[in-house]
Amino acid sequence: HRVGETLGIDDVRAGLLPEDKVSAITAMTKRPVMMVGDGVNDAPVLA
C-alpha cells in the first residue's frame, strides 16, 4: 500500500500467492486485463 499510494495505483492487492493472483485476475470486472510480470511465480497469472 505504501508503494501503491506513492505511485497512484487504483487497485492494490497484497499478500497473494500465485494461485491468489490467478483468482484476482479472473475476478476483475474491467476487461480485458493485461498482466505484466517477469518471475517464475508470474507464469500462471500471465497464462
All heavy atoms as atom14 arrays in JSON, in Angstrom:
{
  "sequence": "HRVGETLGIDDVRAGLLPEDKVSAITAMTKRPVMMVGDGVNDAPVLA",
  "atom14_mask": [
    [1, 1, 1, 1, 1, 1, 1, 1, 1, 1, 0, 0, 0, 0],
    [1, 1, 1, 1, 1, 1, 1, 1, 1, 1, 1, 0, 0, 0],
    [1, 1, 1, 1, 1, 1, 1, 0, 0, 0, 0, 0, 0, 0],
    [1, 1, 1, 1, 0, 0, 0, 0, 0, 0, 0, 0, 0, 0],
    [1, 1, 1, 1, 1, 1, 1, 1, 1, 0, 0, 0, 0, 0],
    [1, 1, 1, 1, 1, 1, 1, 0, 0, 0, 0, 0, 0, 0],
    [1, 1, 1, 1, 1, 1, 1, 1, 0, 0, 0, 0, 0, 0],
    [1, 1, 1, 1, 0, 0, 0, 0, 0, 0, 0, 0, 0, 0],
    [1, 1, 1, 1, 1, 1, 1, 1, 0, 0, 0, 0, 0, 0],
    [1, 1, 1, 1, 1, 1, 1, 1, 0, 0, 0, 0, 0, 0],
    [1, 1, 1, 1, 1, 1, 1, 1, 0, 0, 0, 0, 0, 0],
    [1, 1, 1, 1, 1, 1, 1, 0, 0, 0, 0, 0, 0, 0],
    [1, 1, 1, 1, 1, 1, 1, 1, 1, 1, 1, 0, 0, 0],
    [1, 1, 1, 1, 1, 0, 0, 0, 0, 0, 0, 0, 0, 0],
    [1, 1, 1, 1, 0, 0, 0, 0, 0, 0, 0, 0, 0, 0],
    [1, 1, 1, 1, 1, 1, 1, 1, 0, 0, 0, 0, 0, 0],
    [1, 1, 1, 1, 1, 1, 1, 1, 0, 0, 0, 0, 0, 0],
    [1, 1, 1, 1, 1, 1, 1, 0, 0, 0, 0, 0, 0, 0],
    [1, 1, 1, 1, 1, 1, 1, 1, 1, 0, 0, 0, 0, 0],
    [1, 1, 1, 1, 1, 1, 1, 1, 0, 0, 0, 0, 0, 0],
    [1, 1, 1, 1, 1, 1, 1, 1, 1, 0, 0, 0, 0, 0],
    [1, 1, 1, 1, 1, 1, 1, 0, 0, 0, 0, 0, 0, 0],
    [1, 1, 1, 1, 1, 1, 0, 0, 0, 0, 0, 0, 0, 0],
    [1, 1, 1, 1, 1, 0, 0, 0, 0, 0, 0, 0, 0, 0],
    [1, 1, 1, 1, 1, 1, 1, 1, 0, 0, 0, 0, 0, 0],
    [1, 1, 1, 1, 1, 1, 1, 0, 0, 0, 0, 0, 0, 0],
    [1, 1, 1, 1, 1, 0, 0, 0, 0, 0, 0, 0, 0, 0],
    [1, 1, 1, 1, 1, 1, 1, 1, 0, 0, 0, 0, 0, 0],
    [1, 1, 1, 1, 1, 1, 1, 0, 0, 0, 0, 0, 0, 0],
    [1, 1, 1, 1, 1, 1, 1, 1, 1, 0, 0, 0, 0, 0],
    [1, 1, 1, 1, 1, 1, 1, 1, 1, 1, 1, 0, 0, 0],
    [1, 1, 1, 1, 1, 1, 1, 0, 0, 0, 0, 0, 0, 0],
    [1, 1, 1, 1, 1, 1, 1, 0, 0, 0, 0, 0, 0, 0],
    [1, 1, 1, 1, 1, 1, 1, 1, 0, 0, 0, 0, 0, 0],
    [1, 1, 1, 1, 1, 1, 1, 1, 0, 0, 0, 0, 0, 0],
    [1, 1, 1, 1, 1, 1, 1, 0, 0, 0, 0, 0, 0, 0],
    [1, 1, 1, 1, 0, 0, 0, 0, 0, 0, 0, 0, 0, 0],
    [1, 1, 1, 1, 1, 1, 1, 1, 0, 0, 0, 0, 0, 0],
    [1, 1, 1, 1, 0, 0, 0, 0, 0, 0, 0, 0, 0, 0],
    [1, 1, 1, 1, 1, 1, 1, 0, 0, 0, 0, 0, 0, 0],
    [1, 1, 1, 1, 1, 1, 1, 1, 0, 0, 0, 0, 0, 0],
    [1, 1, 1, 1, 1, 1, 1, 1, 0, 0, 0, 0, 0, 0],
    [1, 1, 1, 1, 1, 0, 0, 0, 0, 0, 0, 0, 0, 0],
    [1, 1, 1, 1, 1, 1, 1, 0, 0, 0, 0, 0, 0, 0],
    [1, 1, 1, 1, 1, 1, 1, 0, 0, 0, 0, 0, 0, 0],
    [1, 1, 1, 1, 1, 1, 1, 1, 0, 0, 0, 0, 0, 0],
    [1, 1, 1, 1, 1, 0, 0, 0, 0, 0, 0, 0, 0, 0]
  ],
  "atom14_positions": [
    [[0.83, -1.22, 0.0], [0.0, 0.0, 0.0], [0.86, 1.26, 0.0], [0.45, 2.29, -0.55], [-0.95, -0.01, 1.19], [-2.1, -0.97, 1.02], [-3.14, -0.74, 0.14], [-2.36, -2.18, 1.6], [-3.99, -1.75, 0.19], [-3.54, -2.64, 1.07], [0.0, 0.0, 0.0], [0.0, 0.0, 0.0], [0.0, 0.0, 0.0], [0.0, 0.0, 0.0]],
    [[2.04, 1.18, 0.62], [2.94, 2.34, 0.56], [3.36, 2.6, -0.88], [3.34, 3.74, -1.35], [4.18, 2.09, 1.44], [5.22, 3.21, 1.37], [6.4, 2.91, 2.26], [7.11, 1.71, 1.84], [8.04, 1.68, 0.88], [8.35, 2.79, 0.24], [8.65, 0.55, 0.57], [0.0, 0.0, 0.0], [0.0, 0.0, 0.0], [0.0, 0.0, 0.0]],
    [[3.74, 1.54, -1.6], [4.13, 1.68, -3.0], [2.94, 2.15, -3.84], [3.06, 3.04, -4.69], [4.69, 0.35, -3.54], [4.92, 0.44, -5.05], [5.98, -0.02, -2.83], [0.0, 0.0, 0.0], [0.0, 0.0, 0.0], [0.0, 0.0, 0.0], [0.0, 0.0, 0.0], [0.0, 0.0, 0.0], [0.0, 0.0, 0.0], [0.0, 0.0, 0.0]],
    [[1.76, 1.54, -3.6], [0.58, 1.9, -4.36], [0.18, 3.35, -4.17], [-0.2, 4.04, -5.13], [0.0, 0.0, 0.0], [0.0, 0.0, 0.0], [0.0, 0.0, 0.0], [0.0, 0.0, 0.0], [0.0, 0.0, 0.0], [0.0, 0.0, 0.0], [0.0, 0.0, 0.0], [0.0, 0.0, 0.0], [0.0, 0.0, 0.0], [0.0, 0.0, 0.0]],
    [[0.28, 3.84, -2.95], [-0.07, 5.23, -2.67], [0.93, 6.18, -3.31], [0.55, 7.22, -3.86], [-0.09, 5.46, -1.15], [-0.54, 6.84, -0.75], [-0.63, 7.01, 0.76], [-0.57, 5.99, 1.48], [-0.77, 8.16, 1.21], [0.0, 0.0, 0.0], [0.0, 0.0, 0.0], [0.0, 0.0, 0.0], [0.0, 0.0, 0.0], [0.0, 0.0, 0.0]],
    [[2.2, 5.8, -3.29], [3.23, 6.63, -3.89], [3.03, 6.77, -5.4], [3.23, 7.85, -5.96], [4.63, 6.04, -3.61], [4.84, 5.94, -2.21], [5.73, 6.89, -4.23], [0.0, 0.0, 0.0], [0.0, 0.0, 0.0], [0.0, 0.0, 0.0], [0.0, 0.0, 0.0], [0.0, 0.0, 0.0], [0.0, 0.0, 0.0], [0.0, 0.0, 0.0]],
    [[2.61, 5.68, -6.03], [2.5, 5.66, -7.49], [1.11, 5.96, -8.02], [0.91, 6.05, -9.22], [2.94, 4.28, -8.02], [4.4, 3.89, -7.76], [4.65, 2.46, -8.2], [5.34, 4.84, -8.49], [0.0, 0.0, 0.0], [0.0, 0.0, 0.0], [0.0, 0.0, 0.0], [0.0, 0.0, 0.0], [0.0, 0.0, 0.0], [0.0, 0.0, 0.0]],
    [[0.14, 6.12, -7.13], [-1.23, 6.41, -7.58], [-1.9, 5.24, -8.25], [-2.65, 5.39, -9.22], [0.0, 0.0, 0.0], [0.0, 0.0, 0.0], [0.0, 0.0, 0.0], [0.0, 0.0, 0.0], [0.0, 0.0, 0.0], [0.0, 0.0, 0.0], [0.0, 0.0, 0.0], [0.0, 0.0, 0.0], [0.0, 0.0, 0.0], [0.0, 0.0, 0.0]],
    [[-1.65, 4.03, -7.74], [-2.25, 2.82, -8.32], [-3.69, 2.69, -7.86], [-4.01, 2.91, -6.69], [-1.42, 1.58, -7.91], [-0.02, 1.68, -8.53], [-2.1, 0.29, -8.35], [0.92, 0.58, -8.11], [0.0, 0.0, 0.0], [0.0, 0.0, 0.0], [0.0, 0.0, 0.0], [0.0, 0.0, 0.0], [0.0, 0.0, 0.0], [0.0, 0.0, 0.0]],
    [[-4.59, 2.34, -8.77], [-6.03, 2.31, -8.48], [-6.43, 1.14, -7.59], [-7.31, 1.27, -6.75], [-6.82, 2.24, -9.8], [-6.45, 3.37, -10.75], [-6.55, 4.53, -10.34], [-6.07, 3.07, -11.9], [0.0, 0.0, 0.0], [0.0, 0.0, 0.0], [0.0, 0.0, 0.0], [0.0, 0.0, 0.0], [0.0, 0.0, 0.0], [0.0, 0.0, 0.0]],
    [[-5.82, -0.02, -7.79], [-6.25, -1.24, -7.11], [-5.01, -2.0, -6.63], [-4.23, -2.49, -7.44], [-7.07, -2.11, -8.07], [-7.64, -3.36, -7.41], [-7.44, -3.53, -6.19], [-8.29, -4.16, -8.11], [0.0, 0.0, 0.0], [0.0, 0.0, 0.0], [0.0, 0.0, 0.0], [0.0, 0.0, 0.0], [0.0, 0.0, 0.0], [0.0, 0.0, 0.0]],
    [[-4.82, -2.08, -5.28], [-3.66, -2.75, -4.71], [-4.12, -4.01, -3.98], [-4.98, -3.95, -3.09], [-2.9, -1.83, -3.73], [-1.75, -2.58, -3.07], [-2.39, -0.59, -4.45], [0.0, 0.0, 0.0], [0.0, 0.0, 0.0], [0.0, 0.0, 0.0], [0.0, 0.0, 0.0], [0.0, 0.0, 0.0], [0.0, 0.0, 0.0], [0.0, 0.0, 0.0]],
    [[-3.54, -5.14, -4.36], [-3.87, -6.41, -3.7], [-2.56, -7.06, -3.26], [-1.69, -7.35, -4.09], [-4.64, -7.32, -4.64], [-5.88, -6.61, -5.24], [-6.79, -7.54, -5.97], [-7.83, -6.8, -6.68], [-8.91, -7.35, -7.21], [-9.11, -8.67, -7.1], [-9.8, -6.62, -7.83], [0.0, 0.0, 0.0], [0.0, 0.0, 0.0], [0.0, 0.0, 0.0]],
    [[-2.43, -7.29, -1.94], [-1.16, -7.73, -1.36], [-1.31, -9.09, -0.68], [-2.42, -9.6, -0.49], [-0.65, -6.69, -0.38], [0.0, 0.0, 0.0], [0.0, 0.0, 0.0], [0.0, 0.0, 0.0], [0.0, 0.0, 0.0], [0.0, 0.0, 0.0], [0.0, 0.0, 0.0], [0.0, 0.0, 0.0], [0.0, 0.0, 0.0], [0.0, 0.0, 0.0]],
    [[-0.16, -9.67, -0.33], [-0.14, -10.95, 0.37], [-0.67, -12.1, -0.45], [-1.25, -13.04, 0.08], [0.0, 0.0, 0.0], [0.0, 0.0, 0.0], [0.0, 0.0, 0.0], [0.0, 0.0, 0.0], [0.0, 0.0, 0.0], [0.0, 0.0, 0.0], [0.0, 0.0, 0.0], [0.0, 0.0, 0.0], [0.0, 0.0, 0.0], [0.0, 0.0, 0.0]],
    [[-0.45, -12.04, -1.77], [-1.04, -13.03, -2.67], [-0.04, -14.13, -3.03], [1.11, -13.84, -3.37], [-1.51, -12.36, -3.97], [-2.53, -11.21, -3.83], [-2.86, -10.66, -5.21], [-3.78, -11.68, -3.13], [0.0, 0.0, 0.0], [0.0, 0.0, 0.0], [0.0, 0.0, 0.0], [0.0, 0.0, 0.0], [0.0, 0.0, 0.0], [0.0, 0.0, 0.0]],
    [[-0.49, -15.36, -2.97], [0.25, -16.48, -3.51], [-0.04, -16.55, -5.02], [-0.99, -15.91, -5.5], [-0.16, -17.78, -2.83], [0.14, -17.87, -1.32], [-0.48, -19.14, -0.75], [1.63, -17.8, -1.06], [0.0, 0.0, 0.0], [0.0, 0.0, 0.0], [0.0, 0.0, 0.0], [0.0, 0.0, 0.0], [0.0, 0.0, 0.0], [0.0, 0.0, 0.0]],
    [[0.75, -17.32, -5.8], [0.48, -17.41, -7.23], [-0.96, -17.77, -7.57], [-1.56, -17.19, -8.49], [1.45, -18.5, -7.7], [2.6, -18.38, -6.76], [2.0, -18.02, -5.43], [0.0, 0.0, 0.0], [0.0, 0.0, 0.0], [0.0, 0.0, 0.0], [0.0, 0.0, 0.0], [0.0, 0.0, 0.0], [0.0, 0.0, 0.0], [0.0, 0.0, 0.0]],
    [[-1.55, -18.7, -6.8], [-2.95, -19.07, -7.09], [-3.92, -17.94, -6.74], [-4.98, -17.8, -7.35], [-3.35, -20.35, -6.35], [-3.15, -20.29, -4.85], [-1.8, -20.84, -4.41], [-0.83, -20.73, -5.19], [-1.72, -21.38, -3.3], [0.0, 0.0, 0.0], [0.0, 0.0, 0.0], [0.0, 0.0, 0.0], [0.0, 0.0, 0.0], [0.0, 0.0, 0.0]],
    [[-3.53, -17.1, -5.74], [-4.36, -15.95, -5.39], [-4.35, -14.9, -6.51], [-5.36, -14.24, -6.77], [-3.88, -15.32, -4.08], [-3.97, -16.27, -2.9], [-4.9, -17.1, -2.89], [-3.11, -16.21, -2.01], [0.0, 0.0, 0.0], [0.0, 0.0, 0.0], [0.0, 0.0, 0.0], [0.0, 0.0, 0.0], [0.0, 0.0, 0.0], [0.0, 0.0, 0.0]],
    [[-3.2, -14.76, -7.16], [-3.11, -13.81, -8.28], [-4.01, -14.26, -9.43], [-4.67, -13.43, -10.07], [-1.66, -13.69, -8.76], [-0.72, -13.01, -7.77], [0.68, -12.86, -8.37], [1.62, -12.16, -7.41], [2.98, -11.98, -7.99], [0.0, 0.0, 0.0], [0.0, 0.0, 0.0], [0.0, 0.0, 0.0], [0.0, 0.0, 0.0], [0.0, 0.0, 0.0]],
    [[-4.04, -15.55, -9.66], [-4.91, -16.08, -10.71], [-6.37, -15.77, -10.39], [-7.14, -15.33, -11.27], [-4.71, -17.6, -10.87], [-5.77, -18.2, -11.78], [-3.31, -17.89, -11.42], [0.0, 0.0, 0.0], [0.0, 0.0, 0.0], [0.0, 0.0, 0.0], [0.0, 0.0, 0.0], [0.0, 0.0, 0.0], [0.0, 0.0, 0.0], [0.0, 0.0, 0.0]],
    [[-6.76, -15.98, -9.14], [-8.14, -15.7, -8.73], [-8.45, -14.21, -8.86], [-9.56, -13.83, -9.27], [-8.35, -16.15, -7.28], [-8.14, -17.55, -7.15], [0.0, 0.0, 0.0], [0.0, 0.0, 0.0], [0.0, 0.0, 0.0], [0.0, 0.0, 0.0], [0.0, 0.0, 0.0], [0.0, 0.0, 0.0], [0.0, 0.0, 0.0], [0.0, 0.0, 0.0]],
    [[-7.48, -13.36, -8.5], [-7.69, -11.91, -8.58], [-7.9, -11.47, -10.02], [-8.79, -10.66, -10.31], [-6.49, -11.18, -7.96], [0.0, 0.0, 0.0], [0.0, 0.0, 0.0], [0.0, 0.0, 0.0], [0.0, 0.0, 0.0], [0.0, 0.0, 0.0], [0.0, 0.0, 0.0], [0.0, 0.0, 0.0], [0.0, 0.0, 0.0], [0.0, 0.0, 0.0]],
    [[-7.09, -12.0, -10.94], [-7.23, -11.64, -12.35], [-8.59, -12.1, -12.89], [-9.29, -11.38, -13.6], [-6.09, -12.25, -13.18], [-4.79, -11.5, -12.93], [-6.42, -12.25, -14.67], [-4.73, -10.12, -13.52], [0.0, 0.0, 0.0], [0.0, 0.0, 0.0], [0.0, 0.0, 0.0], [0.0, 0.0, 0.0], [0.0, 0.0, 0.0], [0.0, 0.0, 0.0]],
    [[-8.96, -13.31, -12.53], [-10.22, -13.88, -13.01], [-11.42, -13.07, -12.52], [-12.43, -12.94, -13.23], [-10.35, -15.34, -12.53], [-9.21, -16.08, -12.97], [-11.6, -15.99, -13.1], [0.0, 0.0, 0.0], [0.0, 0.0, 0.0], [0.0, 0.0, 0.0], [0.0, 0.0, 0.0], [0.0, 0.0, 0.0], [0.0, 0.0, 0.0], [0.0, 0.0, 0.0]],
    [[-11.3, -12.51, -11.31], [-12.43, -11.8, -10.7], [-12.54, -10.34, -11.16], [-13.54, -9.68, -10.87], [-12.31, -11.85, -9.18], [0.0, 0.0, 0.0], [0.0, 0.0, 0.0], [0.0, 0.0, 0.0], [0.0, 0.0, 0.0], [0.0, 0.0, 0.0], [0.0, 0.0, 0.0], [0.0, 0.0, 0.0], [0.0, 0.0, 0.0], [0.0, 0.0, 0.0]],
    [[-11.53, -9.82, -11.83], [-11.57, -8.41, -12.24], [-12.68, -8.18, -13.25], [-12.87, -8.96, -14.19], [-10.22, -7.99, -12.83], [-9.13, -7.82, -11.78], [-7.59, -7.18, -12.48], [-6.61, -6.99, -10.97], [0.0, 0.0, 0.0], [0.0, 0.0, 0.0], [0.0, 0.0, 0.0], [0.0, 0.0, 0.0], [0.0, 0.0, 0.0], [0.0, 0.0, 0.0]],
    [[-13.41, -7.09, -13.06], [-14.59, -6.81, -13.9], [-14.26, -5.94, -15.1], [-14.95, -6.0, -16.12], [-15.67, -6.13, -13.06], [-15.14, -4.95, -12.43], [-16.18, -7.07, -11.98], [0.0, 0.0, 0.0], [0.0, 0.0, 0.0], [0.0, 0.0, 0.0], [0.0, 0.0, 0.0], [0.0, 0.0, 0.0], [0.0, 0.0, 0.0], [0.0, 0.0, 0.0]],
    [[-13.24, -5.09, -14.98], [-12.86, -4.23, -16.11], [-11.94, -5.04, -17.03], [-10.75, -5.18, -16.78], [-12.16, -2.96, -15.63], [-13.06, -2.0, -14.89], [-12.34, -0.71, -14.56], [-13.26, 0.29, -13.88], [-12.56, 1.57, -13.57], [0.0, 0.0, 0.0], [0.0, 0.0, 0.0], [0.0, 0.0, 0.0], [0.0, 0.0, 0.0], [0.0, 0.0, 0.0]],
    [[-12.48, -5.57, -18.11], [-11.75, -6.46, -19.0], [-11.75, -5.89, -20.42], [-12.6, -5.06, -20.75], [-12.39, -7.87, -18.98], [-12.59, -8.43, -17.59], [-12.9, -9.91, -17.63], [-11.69, -10.66, -17.92], [-10.85, -11.11, -16.99], [-11.08, -10.86, -15.71], [-9.78, -11.79, -17.33], [0.0, 0.0, 0.0], [0.0, 0.0, 0.0], [0.0, 0.0, 0.0]],
    [[-10.78, -6.33, -21.23], [-9.73, -7.31, -20.99], [-8.69, -6.82, -19.98], [-8.5, -5.63, -19.81], [-9.1, -7.52, -22.37], [-10.1, -7.0, -23.35], [-10.79, -5.88, -22.64], [0.0, 0.0, 0.0], [0.0, 0.0, 0.0], [0.0, 0.0, 0.0], [0.0, 0.0, 0.0], [0.0, 0.0, 0.0], [0.0, 0.0, 0.0], [0.0, 0.0, 0.0]],
    [[-8.0, -7.79, -19.34], [-6.97, -7.49, -18.34], [-5.61, -7.89, -18.9], [-5.43, -9.01, -19.37], [-7.23, -8.24, -17.02], [-6.1, -7.95, -16.02], [-8.57, -7.83, -16.43], [0.0, 0.0, 0.0], [0.0, 0.0, 0.0], [0.0, 0.0, 0.0], [0.0, 0.0, 0.0], [0.0, 0.0, 0.0], [0.0, 0.0, 0.0], [0.0, 0.0, 0.0]],
    [[-4.67, -6.96, -18.81], [-3.28, -7.24, -19.18], [-2.48, -7.41, -17.89], [-2.55, -6.57, -17.0], [-2.69, -6.09, -20.01], [-1.2, -6.27, -20.33], [-0.47, -4.77, -21.08], [-1.26, -4.79, -22.67], [0.0, 0.0, 0.0], [0.0, 0.0, 0.0], [0.0, 0.0, 0.0], [0.0, 0.0, 0.0], [0.0, 0.0, 0.0], [0.0, 0.0, 0.0]],
    [[-1.74, -8.51, -17.79], [-0.89, -8.76, -16.63], [0.57, -8.62, -17.04], [0.99, -9.2, -18.05], [-1.15, -10.16, -16.06], [-0.26, -10.52, -14.88], [-0.62, -9.5, -13.42], [0.87, -9.77, -12.44], [0.0, 0.0, 0.0], [0.0, 0.0, 0.0], [0.0, 0.0, 0.0], [0.0, 0.0, 0.0], [0.0, 0.0, 0.0], [0.0, 0.0, 0.0]],
    [[1.35, -7.88, -16.25], [2.77, -7.65, -16.53], [3.6, -8.23, -15.39], [3.4, -7.86, -14.24], [3.07, -6.14, -16.69], [4.54, -5.93, -17.07], [2.15, -5.52, -17.72], [0.0, 0.0, 0.0], [0.0, 0.0, 0.0], [0.0, 0.0, 0.0], [0.0, 0.0, 0.0], [0.0, 0.0, 0.0], [0.0, 0.0, 0.0], [0.0, 0.0, 0.0]],
    [[4.5, -9.15, -15.72], [5.35, -9.77, -14.7], [6.62, -10.3, -15.32], [6.83, -10.21, -16.53], [0.0, 0.0, 0.0], [0.0, 0.0, 0.0], [0.0, 0.0, 0.0], [0.0, 0.0, 0.0], [0.0, 0.0, 0.0], [0.0, 0.0, 0.0], [0.0, 0.0, 0.0], [0.0, 0.0, 0.0], [0.0, 0.0, 0.0], [0.0, 0.0, 0.0]],
    [[7.48, -10.9, -14.47], [8.75, -11.4, -15.01], [9.25, -12.68, -14.35], [10.15, -13.33, -14.87], [9.84, -10.33, -14.89], [10.25, -10.07, -13.45], [9.42, -10.35, -12.55], [11.36, -9.58, -13.21], [0.0, 0.0, 0.0], [0.0, 0.0, 0.0], [0.0, 0.0, 0.0], [0.0, 0.0, 0.0], [0.0, 0.0, 0.0], [0.0, 0.0, 0.0]],
    [[8.72, -13.06, -13.21], [9.26, -14.19, -12.48], [8.55, -15.5, -12.75], [7.51, -15.56, -13.4], [0.0, 0.0, 0.0], [0.0, 0.0, 0.0], [0.0, 0.0, 0.0], [0.0, 0.0, 0.0], [0.0, 0.0, 0.0], [0.0, 0.0, 0.0], [0.0, 0.0, 0.0], [0.0, 0.0, 0.0], [0.0, 0.0, 0.0], [0.0, 0.0, 0.0]],
    [[9.14, -16.58, -12.22], [8.53, -17.91, -12.35], [7.14, -17.92, -11.72], [6.2, -18.52, -12.25], [9.43, -18.97, -11.69], [8.75, -20.33, -11.71], [10.78, -19.04, -12.41], [0.0, 0.0, 0.0], [0.0, 0.0, 0.0], [0.0, 0.0, 0.0], [0.0, 0.0, 0.0], [0.0, 0.0, 0.0], [0.0, 0.0, 0.0], [0.0, 0.0, 0.0]],
    [[7.0, -17.24, -10.58], [5.71, -17.24, -9.9], [4.64, -16.46, -10.67], [3.46, -16.54, -10.35], [5.85, -16.66, -8.48], [6.26, -15.19, -8.51], [7.01, -14.77, -9.39], [5.78, -14.43, -7.56], [0.0, 0.0, 0.0], [0.0, 0.0, 0.0], [0.0, 0.0, 0.0], [0.0, 0.0, 0.0], [0.0, 0.0, 0.0], [0.0, 0.0, 0.0]],
    [[5.06, -15.69, -11.7], [4.08, -14.95, -12.51], [3.54, -15.77, -13.66], [2.58, -15.36, -14.32], [4.73, -13.67, -13.07], [5.11, -12.68, -11.99], [4.35, -12.58, -11.01], [6.16, -12.02, -12.11], [0.0, 0.0, 0.0], [0.0, 0.0, 0.0], [0.0, 0.0, 0.0], [0.0, 0.0, 0.0], [0.0, 0.0, 0.0], [0.0, 0.0, 0.0]],
    [[4.16, -16.92, -13.97], [3.76, -17.71, -15.14], [2.27, -18.09, -15.12], [1.59, -17.92, -16.14], [4.63, -18.96, -15.26], [0.0, 0.0, 0.0], [0.0, 0.0, 0.0], [0.0, 0.0, 0.0], [0.0, 0.0, 0.0], [0.0, 0.0, 0.0], [0.0, 0.0, 0.0], [0.0, 0.0, 0.0], [0.0, 0.0, 0.0], [0.0, 0.0, 0.0]],
    [[1.71, -18.58, -13.99], [0.29, -18.95, -14.02], [-0.64, -17.77, -14.31], [-1.59, -17.9, -15.09], [0.05, -19.51, -12.61], [1.39, -19.92, -12.13], [2.34, -18.95, -12.71], [0.0, 0.0, 0.0], [0.0, 0.0, 0.0], [0.0, 0.0, 0.0], [0.0, 0.0, 0.0], [0.0, 0.0, 0.0], [0.0, 0.0, 0.0], [0.0, 0.0, 0.0]],
    [[-0.36, -16.62, -13.7], [-1.26, -15.48, -13.89], [-1.08, -14.87, -15.28], [-2.03, -14.34, -15.86], [-1.04, -14.43, -12.77], [0.3, -13.72, -12.91], [-2.18, -13.41, -12.77], [0.0, 0.0, 0.0], [0.0, 0.0, 0.0], [0.0, 0.0, 0.0], [0.0, 0.0, 0.0], [0.0, 0.0, 0.0], [0.0, 0.0, 0.0], [0.0, 0.0, 0.0]],
    [[0.13, -14.95, -15.85], [0.33, -14.48, -17.23], [-0.46, -15.34, -18.2], [-1.02, -14.85, -19.19], [1.81, -14.52, -17.59], [2.73, -13.51, -16.91], [4.18, -13.74, -17.32], [2.33, -12.08, -17.23], [0.0, 0.0, 0.0], [0.0, 0.0, 0.0], [0.0, 0.0, 0.0], [0.0, 0.0, 0.0], [0.0, 0.0, 0.0], [0.0, 0.0, 0.0]],
    [[-0.53, -16.64, -17.92], [-1.24, -17.56, -18.81], [-2.75, -17.36, -18.75], [-3.44, -17.49, -19.77], [-0.89, -19.0, -18.45], [0.0, 0.0, 0.0], [0.0, 0.0, 0.0], [0.0, 0.0, 0.0], [0.0, 0.0, 0.0], [0.0, 0.0, 0.0], [0.0, 0.0, 0.0], [0.0, 0.0, 0.0], [0.0, 0.0, 0.0], [0.0, 0.0, 0.0]]
  ]
}
